[in-house]
């Protein structure tokens, strides 16, 4: 599973790869940027589903790439579109939003991240708190930033990526 957080133009996530049980199997990228500048991250307990959802979204929601969701194939996706509007997908290709709030989080470590965000943490710091407390969140932290907002990223553990 994962923890994905968006605050102040920074989208951050852990990188722990999940094998369908508690054993970590390495790391992988969970947040992505589309050609139009939109950023998104996918969280799911179903191995391989996040890659299917990412392919669908990266290809401009090409219905030919639409993942076939079974009754136990749930996912959450946090999208920041090219204009900075935030949408959340929950077990569906239909988002809710645009949403307005000071921050957003999805994934197994979301509750830990929300607590950190309420105390003023950055997106990176909130993911770090989730890594410390959520057994399904781990690895290193990756970030993507909206253009012009690189200064908000925690540069000690991440790099600013505004491409």
N, C-alpha and C. Protein backbone atom coordinates (compact mmCIF):
# COMPACT_ATOMS: atom_id res chain seq x y z
N UNK A 1 0.86 -1.17 0.00
CA UNK A 1 0.00 0.00 0.00
C UNK A 1 0.89 1.21 0.00
N UNK A 2 0.43 2.33 0.53
CA UNK A 2 1.23 3.54 0.34
C UNK A 2 0.68 4.70 1.15
N UNK A 3 1.41 5.79 1.10
CA UNK A 3 0.93 7.08 1.59
C UNK A 3 1.29 8.12 0.55
N UNK A 4 0.28 8.86 0.09
CA UNK A 4 0.47 9.92 -0.89
C UNK A 4 -0.12 11.19 -0.30
N UNK A 5 0.66 12.28 -0.34
CA UNK A 5 0.27 13.54 0.29
C UNK A 5 0.49 14.69 -0.69
N UNK A 6 -0.44 15.65 -0.68
CA UNK A 6 -0.29 16.87 -1.47
C UNK A 6 -0.51 18.06 -0.57
N UNK A 7 0.46 18.96 -0.57
CA UNK A 7 0.34 20.21 0.18
C UNK A 7 1.27 21.25 -0.45
N UNK A 8 0.77 22.45 -0.60
CA UNK A 8 1.58 23.59 -1.05
C UNK A 8 2.34 23.32 -2.34
N UNK A 9 1.68 22.67 -3.30
CA UNK A 9 2.31 22.43 -4.59
C UNK A 9 3.23 21.23 -4.66
N UNK A 10 3.35 20.48 -3.57
CA UNK A 10 4.25 19.32 -3.52
C UNK A 10 3.42 18.05 -3.35
N UNK A 11 3.62 17.09 -4.26
CA UNK A 11 3.03 15.77 -4.18
C UNK A 11 4.14 14.83 -3.73
N UNK A 12 3.94 14.14 -2.61
CA UNK A 12 4.97 13.26 -2.04
C UNK A 12 4.40 11.88 -1.79
N UNK A 13 5.26 10.88 -1.90
CA UNK A 13 4.84 9.51 -1.60
C UNK A 13 6.02 8.69 -1.10
N UNK A 14 5.68 7.58 -0.47
CA UNK A 14 6.68 6.58 -0.15
C UNK A 14 6.92 5.74 -1.41
N UNK A 15 7.79 4.73 -1.30
CA UNK A 15 8.11 3.92 -2.48
C UNK A 15 8.05 2.42 -2.18
N UNK A 16 7.52 2.01 -1.05
CA UNK A 16 7.51 0.59 -0.68
C UNK A 16 6.65 -0.21 -1.65
N UNK A 17 7.21 -1.27 -2.22
CA UNK A 17 6.45 -2.16 -3.10
C UNK A 17 5.79 -3.23 -2.25
N UNK A 18 4.55 -3.49 -2.54
CA UNK A 18 3.69 -4.38 -1.77
C UNK A 18 3.44 -5.66 -2.56
N UNK A 19 3.57 -6.80 -1.91
CA UNK A 19 3.44 -8.08 -2.60
C UNK A 19 2.14 -8.81 -2.32
N UNK A 20 1.21 -8.17 -1.65
CA UNK A 20 -0.04 -8.83 -1.30
C UNK A 20 -0.03 -9.36 0.12
N UNK A 21 1.09 -9.23 0.79
CA UNK A 21 1.19 -9.55 2.21
C UNK A 21 2.22 -8.62 2.83
N UNK A 22 2.62 -8.85 4.04
CA UNK A 22 3.45 -7.89 4.77
C UNK A 22 4.90 -7.83 4.30
N UNK A 23 5.35 -8.74 3.46
CA UNK A 23 6.74 -8.77 3.06
C UNK A 23 7.02 -7.73 1.99
N UNK A 24 7.90 -6.75 2.26
CA UNK A 24 8.27 -5.79 1.22
C UNK A 24 9.04 -6.51 0.11
N UNK A 25 8.83 -6.09 -1.13
CA UNK A 25 9.53 -6.72 -2.26
C UNK A 25 10.38 -5.72 -3.02
N UNK A 26 10.70 -4.61 -2.43
CA UNK A 26 11.51 -3.59 -3.08
C UNK A 26 10.80 -2.25 -3.07
N UNK A 27 11.16 -1.43 -4.03
CA UNK A 27 10.55 -0.10 -4.12
C UNK A 27 10.07 0.14 -5.54
N UNK A 28 9.17 1.12 -5.68
CA UNK A 28 8.66 1.51 -6.99
C UNK A 28 8.14 2.94 -6.92
N UNK A 29 7.98 3.54 -8.08
CA UNK A 29 7.44 4.90 -8.19
C UNK A 29 5.92 4.84 -8.10
N UNK A 30 5.35 5.71 -7.26
CA UNK A 30 3.90 5.73 -7.04
C UNK A 30 3.25 7.04 -7.47
N UNK A 31 4.06 8.05 -7.74
CA UNK A 31 3.54 9.33 -8.21
C UNK A 31 4.10 9.60 -9.60
N UNK A 32 3.29 10.26 -10.42
CA UNK A 32 3.64 10.45 -11.82
C UNK A 32 3.18 11.82 -12.30
N UNK A 33 3.77 12.24 -13.43
CA UNK A 33 3.36 13.48 -14.08
C UNK A 33 2.96 13.14 -15.51
N UNK A 34 1.80 13.65 -15.90
CA UNK A 34 1.31 13.45 -17.26
C UNK A 34 1.89 14.53 -18.17
N UNK A 35 1.86 14.30 -19.49
CA UNK A 35 2.41 15.26 -20.46
C UNK A 35 1.86 16.67 -20.29
N UNK A 36 0.59 16.79 -19.88
CA UNK A 36 -0.01 18.12 -19.75
C UNK A 36 0.35 18.80 -18.43
N UNK A 37 1.16 18.16 -17.59
CA UNK A 37 1.58 18.73 -16.32
C UNK A 37 0.81 18.24 -15.12
N UNK A 38 -0.30 17.54 -15.34
CA UNK A 38 -1.06 16.99 -14.21
C UNK A 38 -0.18 16.00 -13.44
N UNK A 39 -0.37 15.96 -12.12
CA UNK A 39 0.35 15.03 -11.26
C UNK A 39 -0.67 14.11 -10.59
N UNK A 40 -0.25 12.88 -10.30
CA UNK A 40 -1.17 11.96 -9.63
C UNK A 40 -0.40 10.86 -8.93
N UNK A 41 -1.06 10.24 -7.96
CA UNK A 41 -0.52 9.08 -7.27
C UNK A 41 -1.64 8.10 -7.01
N UNK A 42 -1.30 6.80 -7.06
CA UNK A 42 -2.29 5.73 -6.90
C UNK A 42 -1.91 4.87 -5.72
N UNK A 43 -2.91 4.53 -4.90
CA UNK A 43 -2.74 3.63 -3.76
C UNK A 43 -3.72 2.48 -3.88
N UNK A 44 -3.22 1.24 -3.72
CA UNK A 44 -4.08 0.07 -3.76
C UNK A 44 -3.40 -1.09 -3.04
N UNK A 45 -4.20 -2.01 -2.55
CA UNK A 45 -3.67 -3.23 -1.94
C UNK A 45 -3.59 -4.36 -2.96
N UNK A 46 -4.06 -4.15 -4.17
CA UNK A 46 -4.06 -5.18 -5.21
C UNK A 46 -2.77 -5.06 -6.03
N UNK A 47 -1.84 -6.01 -5.90
CA UNK A 47 -0.60 -5.93 -6.67
C UNK A 47 -0.86 -5.78 -8.17
N UNK A 48 -0.17 -4.83 -8.78
CA UNK A 48 -0.29 -4.58 -10.21
C UNK A 48 -1.37 -3.60 -10.61
N UNK A 49 -2.36 -3.36 -9.76
CA UNK A 49 -3.46 -2.47 -10.13
C UNK A 49 -3.00 -1.02 -10.25
N UNK A 50 -2.08 -0.58 -9.40
CA UNK A 50 -1.63 0.81 -9.49
C UNK A 50 -0.97 1.09 -10.83
N UNK A 51 -0.24 0.11 -11.36
CA UNK A 51 0.38 0.28 -12.68
C UNK A 51 -0.68 0.35 -13.77
N UNK A 52 -1.73 -0.45 -13.67
CA UNK A 52 -2.81 -0.42 -14.66
C UNK A 52 -3.53 0.93 -14.62
N UNK A 53 -3.83 1.42 -13.43
CA UNK A 53 -4.50 2.72 -13.30
C UNK A 53 -3.59 3.83 -13.84
N UNK A 54 -2.30 3.76 -13.53
CA UNK A 54 -1.36 4.78 -14.01
C UNK A 54 -1.29 4.78 -15.54
N UNK A 55 -1.22 3.60 -16.16
CA UNK A 55 -1.20 3.55 -17.63
C UNK A 55 -2.45 4.18 -18.23
N UNK A 56 -3.60 3.87 -17.65
CA UNK A 56 -4.88 4.43 -18.13
C UNK A 56 -4.84 5.96 -18.04
N UNK A 57 -4.41 6.49 -16.90
CA UNK A 57 -4.41 7.94 -16.70
C UNK A 57 -3.34 8.63 -17.55
N UNK A 58 -2.14 8.03 -17.63
CA UNK A 58 -1.07 8.63 -18.43
C UNK A 58 -1.43 8.71 -19.91
N UNK A 59 -2.26 7.80 -20.38
CA UNK A 59 -2.68 7.80 -21.78
C UNK A 59 -4.01 8.55 -21.94
N UNK A 60 -4.15 9.66 -21.19
CA UNK A 60 -5.32 10.53 -21.29
C UNK A 60 -6.63 9.79 -21.08
N UNK A 61 -6.64 8.87 -20.11
CA UNK A 61 -7.82 8.09 -19.74
C UNK A 61 -8.37 7.30 -20.92
N UNK A 62 -7.46 6.69 -21.66
CA UNK A 62 -7.81 5.86 -22.81
C UNK A 62 -8.64 4.68 -22.34
N UNK A 63 -9.88 4.61 -22.79
CA UNK A 63 -10.80 3.57 -22.33
C UNK A 63 -10.33 2.17 -22.71
N UNK A 64 -9.46 2.05 -23.73
CA UNK A 64 -8.91 0.74 -24.09
C UNK A 64 -7.96 0.22 -23.00
N UNK A 65 -7.44 1.13 -22.19
CA UNK A 65 -6.52 0.75 -21.12
C UNK A 65 -7.20 0.72 -19.75
N UNK A 66 -8.49 0.90 -19.74
CA UNK A 66 -9.24 0.92 -18.49
C UNK A 66 -9.04 -0.39 -17.72
N UNK A 67 -8.59 -0.31 -16.46
CA UNK A 67 -8.40 -1.53 -15.69
C UNK A 67 -9.73 -2.22 -15.39
N UNK A 68 -9.72 -3.53 -15.46
CA UNK A 68 -10.89 -4.32 -15.09
C UNK A 68 -10.85 -4.51 -13.58
N UNK A 69 -11.79 -3.90 -12.88
CA UNK A 69 -11.81 -3.96 -11.43
C UNK A 69 -12.71 -5.08 -10.95
N UNK A 70 -12.13 -5.99 -10.17
CA UNK A 70 -12.91 -7.03 -9.53
C UNK A 70 -13.51 -6.51 -8.24
N UNK A 71 -14.32 -7.32 -7.56
CA UNK A 71 -14.99 -6.87 -6.34
C UNK A 71 -14.04 -6.49 -5.21
N UNK A 72 -12.81 -7.00 -5.25
CA UNK A 72 -11.86 -6.68 -4.18
C UNK A 72 -10.72 -5.79 -4.67
N UNK A 73 -10.85 -5.24 -5.87
CA UNK A 73 -9.80 -4.40 -6.45
C UNK A 73 -10.10 -2.93 -6.21
N UNK A 74 -9.85 -2.48 -5.02
CA UNK A 74 -10.07 -1.08 -4.71
C UNK A 74 -8.81 -0.26 -4.92
N UNK A 75 -9.00 1.02 -5.19
CA UNK A 75 -7.85 1.93 -5.29
C UNK A 75 -8.30 3.34 -4.94
N UNK A 76 -7.33 4.13 -4.56
CA UNK A 76 -7.52 5.56 -4.37
C UNK A 76 -6.49 6.26 -5.22
N UNK A 77 -6.91 7.34 -5.86
CA UNK A 77 -5.98 8.13 -6.66
C UNK A 77 -6.17 9.59 -6.33
N UNK A 78 -5.08 10.27 -6.11
CA UNK A 78 -5.07 11.70 -5.85
C UNK A 78 -4.52 12.37 -7.12
N UNK A 79 -5.31 13.25 -7.72
CA UNK A 79 -4.94 13.93 -8.96
C UNK A 79 -4.87 15.43 -8.72
N UNK A 80 -3.80 16.05 -9.19
CA UNK A 80 -3.68 17.50 -9.24
C UNK A 80 -3.59 17.83 -10.72
N UNK A 81 -4.65 18.40 -11.28
CA UNK A 81 -4.67 18.62 -12.73
C UNK A 81 -3.72 19.75 -13.12
N UNK A 82 -3.60 19.98 -14.42
CA UNK A 82 -2.64 20.97 -14.92
C UNK A 82 -2.90 22.37 -14.40
N UNK A 83 -4.14 22.64 -13.95
CA UNK A 83 -4.49 23.95 -13.42
C UNK A 83 -4.37 24.02 -11.90
N UNK A 84 -3.94 22.93 -11.27
CA UNK A 84 -3.77 22.90 -9.82
C UNK A 84 -5.01 22.48 -9.06
N UNK A 85 -6.07 22.08 -9.76
CA UNK A 85 -7.28 21.62 -9.08
C UNK A 85 -7.07 20.17 -8.61
N UNK A 86 -7.65 19.85 -7.45
CA UNK A 86 -7.45 18.54 -6.84
C UNK A 86 -8.72 17.70 -6.97
N UNK A 87 -8.51 16.43 -7.35
CA UNK A 87 -9.59 15.45 -7.48
C UNK A 87 -9.16 14.16 -6.78
N UNK A 88 -10.13 13.45 -6.23
CA UNK A 88 -9.86 12.15 -5.63
C UNK A 88 -10.76 11.11 -6.29
N UNK A 89 -10.15 9.99 -6.63
CA UNK A 89 -10.84 8.83 -7.19
C UNK A 89 -10.87 7.76 -6.10
N UNK A 90 -12.00 7.12 -5.91
CA UNK A 90 -12.12 6.03 -4.93
C UNK A 90 -12.83 4.86 -5.59
N UNK A 91 -12.08 3.82 -5.91
CA UNK A 91 -12.63 2.60 -6.51
C UNK A 91 -13.42 2.86 -7.78
N UNK A 92 -13.10 3.93 -8.49
CA UNK A 92 -13.88 4.31 -9.67
C UNK A 92 -13.04 5.20 -10.57
N UNK A 93 -13.35 5.19 -11.86
CA UNK A 93 -12.68 6.10 -12.79
C UNK A 93 -13.33 7.48 -12.80
N UNK A 94 -14.32 7.66 -11.95
CA UNK A 94 -15.03 8.94 -11.86
C UNK A 94 -14.57 9.67 -10.60
N UNK A 95 -13.94 10.84 -10.75
CA UNK A 95 -13.42 11.55 -9.58
C UNK A 95 -14.46 12.40 -8.89
N UNK A 96 -14.14 12.76 -7.67
CA UNK A 96 -14.89 13.79 -6.97
C UNK A 96 -14.00 15.02 -6.95
N UNK A 97 -14.62 16.18 -7.12
CA UNK A 97 -13.86 17.42 -7.12
C UNK A 97 -14.27 18.30 -8.29
N UNK A 98 -13.64 19.45 -8.41
CA UNK A 98 -12.45 19.86 -7.70
C UNK A 98 -12.73 20.13 -6.22
N UNK A 99 -11.72 19.80 -5.41
CA UNK A 99 -11.82 19.92 -3.96
C UNK A 99 -10.97 21.08 -3.47
N UNK A 100 -11.39 21.68 -2.38
CA UNK A 100 -10.63 22.76 -1.77
C UNK A 100 -10.33 22.40 -0.33
N UNK A 101 -9.07 22.38 0.03
CA UNK A 101 -8.61 22.11 1.39
C UNK A 101 -7.13 22.49 1.45
N UNK A 102 -6.59 22.64 2.65
CA UNK A 102 -5.17 23.00 2.74
C UNK A 102 -4.22 21.86 2.37
N UNK A 103 -4.69 20.61 2.38
CA UNK A 103 -3.87 19.45 2.05
C UNK A 103 -4.77 18.26 1.77
N UNK A 104 -4.16 17.22 1.16
CA UNK A 104 -4.89 16.00 0.81
C UNK A 104 -3.97 14.82 1.03
N UNK A 105 -4.56 13.66 1.37
CA UNK A 105 -3.77 12.45 1.53
C UNK A 105 -4.63 11.23 1.27
N UNK A 106 -4.03 10.20 0.67
CA UNK A 106 -4.68 8.92 0.45
C UNK A 106 -3.69 7.82 0.81
N UNK A 107 -4.23 6.63 1.04
CA UNK A 107 -3.40 5.47 1.28
C UNK A 107 -3.49 4.95 2.69
N UNK A 108 -2.75 3.88 2.93
CA UNK A 108 -2.81 3.20 4.23
C UNK A 108 -2.29 4.05 5.37
N UNK A 109 -1.38 4.96 5.09
CA UNK A 109 -0.84 5.83 6.14
C UNK A 109 -1.49 7.20 6.19
N UNK A 110 -2.65 7.35 5.55
CA UNK A 110 -3.31 8.66 5.47
C UNK A 110 -3.61 9.26 6.84
N UNK A 111 -4.07 8.45 7.78
CA UNK A 111 -4.40 9.01 9.10
C UNK A 111 -3.18 9.55 9.83
N UNK A 112 -2.05 8.86 9.70
CA UNK A 112 -0.81 9.38 10.30
C UNK A 112 -0.40 10.68 9.63
N UNK A 113 -0.49 10.71 8.29
CA UNK A 113 -0.12 11.90 7.55
C UNK A 113 -1.02 13.09 7.89
N UNK A 114 -2.32 12.83 8.03
CA UNK A 114 -3.25 13.91 8.38
C UNK A 114 -2.88 14.52 9.73
N UNK A 115 -2.55 13.68 10.69
CA UNK A 115 -2.14 14.19 12.00
C UNK A 115 -0.92 15.09 11.89
N UNK A 116 0.05 14.66 11.10
CA UNK A 116 1.26 15.47 10.91
C UNK A 116 0.93 16.77 10.20
N UNK A 117 0.09 16.70 9.16
CA UNK A 117 -0.30 17.90 8.41
C UNK A 117 -1.03 18.90 9.30
N UNK A 118 -1.88 18.40 10.18
CA UNK A 118 -2.59 19.28 11.12
C UNK A 118 -1.62 20.02 12.04
N UNK A 119 -0.47 19.43 12.28
CA UNK A 119 0.54 20.07 13.14
C UNK A 119 1.50 20.94 12.33
N UNK A 120 1.21 21.13 11.03
CA UNK A 120 2.00 22.02 10.20
C UNK A 120 3.08 21.36 9.36
N UNK A 121 3.09 20.03 9.29
CA UNK A 121 4.11 19.33 8.51
C UNK A 121 3.97 19.62 7.02
N UNK A 122 5.09 19.56 6.32
CA UNK A 122 5.08 19.62 4.86
C UNK A 122 4.62 18.27 4.33
N UNK A 123 4.42 18.18 3.03
CA UNK A 123 4.03 16.90 2.42
C UNK A 123 5.08 15.84 2.69
N UNK A 124 6.35 16.19 2.55
CA UNK A 124 7.44 15.24 2.78
C UNK A 124 7.48 14.81 4.25
N UNK A 125 7.34 15.75 5.16
CA UNK A 125 7.35 15.41 6.59
C UNK A 125 6.17 14.51 6.94
N UNK A 126 5.02 14.73 6.33
CA UNK A 126 3.85 13.90 6.61
C UNK A 126 4.07 12.47 6.12
N UNK A 127 4.68 12.30 4.96
CA UNK A 127 5.00 10.95 4.49
C UNK A 127 6.02 10.30 5.41
N UNK A 128 6.99 11.07 5.88
CA UNK A 128 8.00 10.54 6.81
C UNK A 128 7.33 10.02 8.09
N UNK A 129 6.33 10.73 8.61
CA UNK A 129 5.59 10.28 9.80
C UNK A 129 4.85 8.98 9.48
N UNK A 130 4.25 8.90 8.31
CA UNK A 130 3.55 7.66 7.92
C UNK A 130 4.53 6.49 7.80
N UNK A 131 5.71 6.73 7.25
CA UNK A 131 6.71 5.66 7.14
C UNK A 131 7.08 5.14 8.53
N UNK A 132 7.18 6.03 9.48
CA UNK A 132 7.54 5.64 10.85
C UNK A 132 6.45 4.83 11.53
N UNK A 133 5.18 5.09 11.19
CA UNK A 133 4.07 4.50 11.94
C UNK A 133 3.21 3.48 11.20
N UNK A 134 3.15 3.54 9.90
CA UNK A 134 2.29 2.63 9.13
C UNK A 134 3.12 1.48 8.58
N UNK A 135 2.79 0.23 8.91
CA UNK A 135 3.60 -0.89 8.43
C UNK A 135 3.56 -1.11 6.92
N UNK A 136 2.62 -0.50 6.23
CA UNK A 136 2.48 -0.66 4.78
C UNK A 136 3.15 0.46 3.99
N UNK A 137 3.73 1.43 4.69
CA UNK A 137 4.39 2.57 4.06
C UNK A 137 5.87 2.49 4.36
N UNK A 138 6.72 2.67 3.36
CA UNK A 138 8.15 2.56 3.59
C UNK A 138 8.97 2.96 2.39
N UNK A 139 10.24 2.66 2.44
CA UNK A 139 11.16 3.04 1.38
C UNK A 139 11.57 4.49 1.52
N UNK A 140 12.05 5.06 0.44
CA UNK A 140 12.41 6.47 0.47
C UNK A 140 11.22 7.32 0.01
N UNK A 141 11.38 8.62 0.08
CA UNK A 141 10.31 9.55 -0.27
C UNK A 141 10.62 10.18 -1.63
N UNK A 142 9.61 10.20 -2.50
CA UNK A 142 9.73 10.87 -3.78
C UNK A 142 8.76 12.04 -3.83
N UNK A 143 9.10 13.05 -4.62
CA UNK A 143 8.22 14.21 -4.76
C UNK A 143 8.11 14.65 -6.21
N UNK A 144 7.00 15.28 -6.50
CA UNK A 144 6.79 16.06 -7.71
C UNK A 144 6.28 17.41 -7.25
N UNK A 145 6.61 18.45 -7.97
CA UNK A 145 6.14 19.78 -7.59
C UNK A 145 5.48 20.47 -8.77
N UNK A 146 4.54 21.34 -8.43
CA UNK A 146 3.94 22.19 -9.45
C UNK A 146 4.97 23.24 -9.83
N UNK A 147 5.00 23.65 -11.08
CA UNK A 147 5.97 24.65 -11.51
C UNK A 147 5.94 25.89 -10.62
N UNK A 148 7.12 26.36 -10.27
CA UNK A 148 7.23 27.56 -9.45
C UNK A 148 7.10 27.33 -7.96
N UNK A 149 6.93 26.07 -7.53
CA UNK A 149 6.74 25.81 -6.10
C UNK A 149 7.80 24.88 -5.53
N UNK A 150 8.94 24.78 -6.18
CA UNK A 150 10.00 23.87 -5.74
C UNK A 150 10.50 24.21 -4.35
N UNK A 151 10.47 25.47 -3.96
CA UNK A 151 10.99 25.87 -2.66
C UNK A 151 10.24 25.21 -1.51
N UNK A 152 9.00 24.74 -1.76
CA UNK A 152 8.22 24.13 -0.69
C UNK A 152 8.65 22.70 -0.38
N UNK A 153 9.43 22.08 -1.26
CA UNK A 153 9.84 20.69 -1.06
C UNK A 153 10.97 20.61 -0.03
N UNK A 154 11.02 19.50 0.70
CA UNK A 154 12.09 19.23 1.64
C UNK A 154 13.26 18.68 0.82
N UNK A 155 14.25 19.51 0.54
CA UNK A 155 15.32 19.13 -0.38
C UNK A 155 16.35 18.20 0.26
N UNK A 156 16.27 17.95 1.55
CA UNK A 156 17.24 17.05 2.18
C UNK A 156 17.07 15.63 1.69
N UNK A 157 15.85 15.15 1.49
CA UNK A 157 15.63 13.76 1.11
C UNK A 157 15.01 13.61 -0.27
N UNK A 158 14.65 14.70 -0.90
CA UNK A 158 13.98 14.60 -2.20
C UNK A 158 14.58 15.60 -3.16
N UNK A 159 14.25 15.44 -4.39
CA UNK A 159 14.67 16.42 -5.39
C UNK A 159 13.45 17.09 -5.95
N UNK A 160 13.56 18.35 -6.29
CA UNK A 160 12.45 19.07 -6.89
C UNK A 160 12.37 18.68 -8.35
N UNK A 161 11.21 18.24 -8.78
CA UNK A 161 11.00 17.82 -10.16
C UNK A 161 9.85 18.65 -10.69
N UNK A 162 10.15 19.64 -11.49
CA UNK A 162 9.08 20.49 -12.02
C UNK A 162 8.88 20.27 -13.51
N UNK A 163 9.42 19.18 -14.05
CA UNK A 163 9.24 18.88 -15.47
C UNK A 163 7.86 18.35 -15.75
